[in-house]
Amino acid sequence: MVAPTDVDDVRALVEWARRYHVPLVSRGGGTSLDGESVPADGSVVVDLSGWTEVLEVEPDERWARVGPGVVNRDLQEALRPHGLFFPPNPGSWTRSTIGGNVATNASGPRSFRYGPTRAWVREVEAVLGTGERARFGARVAKRSVGPDLLHLLVGSEGTLAVITEVTVRLAHRPALREGWVLSVPEDVSLGTVARRLARTPGTGLSAVEYLDHGSASALTETRPVGWPTGSSLLLLEIEAAGPAEAETRRRRVRAALRAVGVPGRPTVFSDADELWTVRGASGVVLEERMGRHVREDIAVPLGRIDALLRTLREIARSASVPLYLYGHLGEGSLHPNYVIDPKTPAADRIRAAVLTASLGLGGTVSAEHGIGRLKIPFLERELGRAAVALLAAVKRHCDPDGILNPGKLYPTLARAAGRGPSRSPSGSAGGAARRP
């Protein structure tokens, strides 16, 4: 492991790694779930967790320039005095870093209203696998200078460059941000709930989340929070500019829920961040309760949620394993968890069945956690051969020696490590290693 302290360190490290074909794996908070930050054998881990400085905040134009190691929640606190916030809030927001959020295009509960990280990145500074320092995007509100190369970096999982700085867009912090938790009757159509809330105007909803009975029970037993027990749960966030607007929006949400069979009074969190901190512990709690398991990350159109749920439950019945389910219902994004050793052939069959079902319903094999090393066989099935070939061409241009996070994302590219020294970037034969 190395811990570079500035961009010159990173450039020197990349040049050294090219010379000796040593793989480099960038790492921030290490919270990724599909193996993105797990190093291949023989790799050097590039620890960027110390790059925690909020370098600049521009309140009028609503952007902030930060180091890649800034933790998501720490950035939110730094922005609070300015009346601003960074909308993406993944479940790991207390630990995950902005660089990691960008590298995986992370989402979270508020993506129902605000979208994923991709929508909130203005500029990225990075060091390519060639050792070149490059900037992608711009801090201005709009720009039309050719195709948007910035989005090549967002979601690239550290395979194209080492991110050294990020400029993120910001939003005005709502005066009121209220969290709701409600019991959901088992006979209610979750797809109908999602569609009704999505199309009801004037609700101020920024998050629509779901926890099935098993997940809710596990969370309540280990993190007592005083919300309803004995049923599945719907978790909502309502934003408003003040008390009068808040009351109007509450009435609209209650009416929409009654119309789809979700009655009852909610448990209210006056600070929704408290609710999402509890909800973000779902994965950890299930790990503690179930032990090792297969956890997936898929999304389908809202009209096909119920069909997906039937298939996920049938997969569990056929394999005779328990299923725990939670996710971002308002976007059709679900996380099924099957209690089975993930290293077994049966687990491989379950994962394949889940991903195949999502694709068959017009969905995706990764809503927010990326491809990593676990889903490589499904990349071409979703994107198509031509698109994957284009991605591979971009990879070869940005990282010609294949040293950046090899074995991830790209299904056809061979790992560069272990081939022995080659020509150095300057063209001379590799000699003594220059210490980065």
Foldseek 3Di string as FASTA:
>chain_A
DDEDDALVQVLLVLLLCQQWVAFEAEDALPPFDQALRPFDPRHDYHYQLVQADFPDADLVLAKTKGWQNHQQVNQQVVCVVSQKHFQFQALCSVRHTNNVQQQQQFHHFLCLPVNTQVSWFAKWWWQFSLSDIDMFHDSDPDDDDPDRCSSLRGRNSFLTTGTTMTMTGIDRHFPFKKKWKFFDDPPFDLLLLLVLVSPQPLQQWRGWKKWAQVLVVLLCVVPPDPFDHDGIMIMIMHGDNDDVSNVVNVVSSQVSCVVRPGHDDTDMDRDCVVVSNSVSCSVVSCCVVQPDWDKFKKFAQSVCLRVLVVQLVVLCVVLVWDWTKIDRSNGRIIIIITRDHCVDPSVVVSLVSSQVVRVVRVMHRHDGSHFFQRNQVCPCVPPNDVVLVVSVVSSCVRNVQSNTSPNTDRNPDDRNPPPGGQARSVRHRDDDRDND
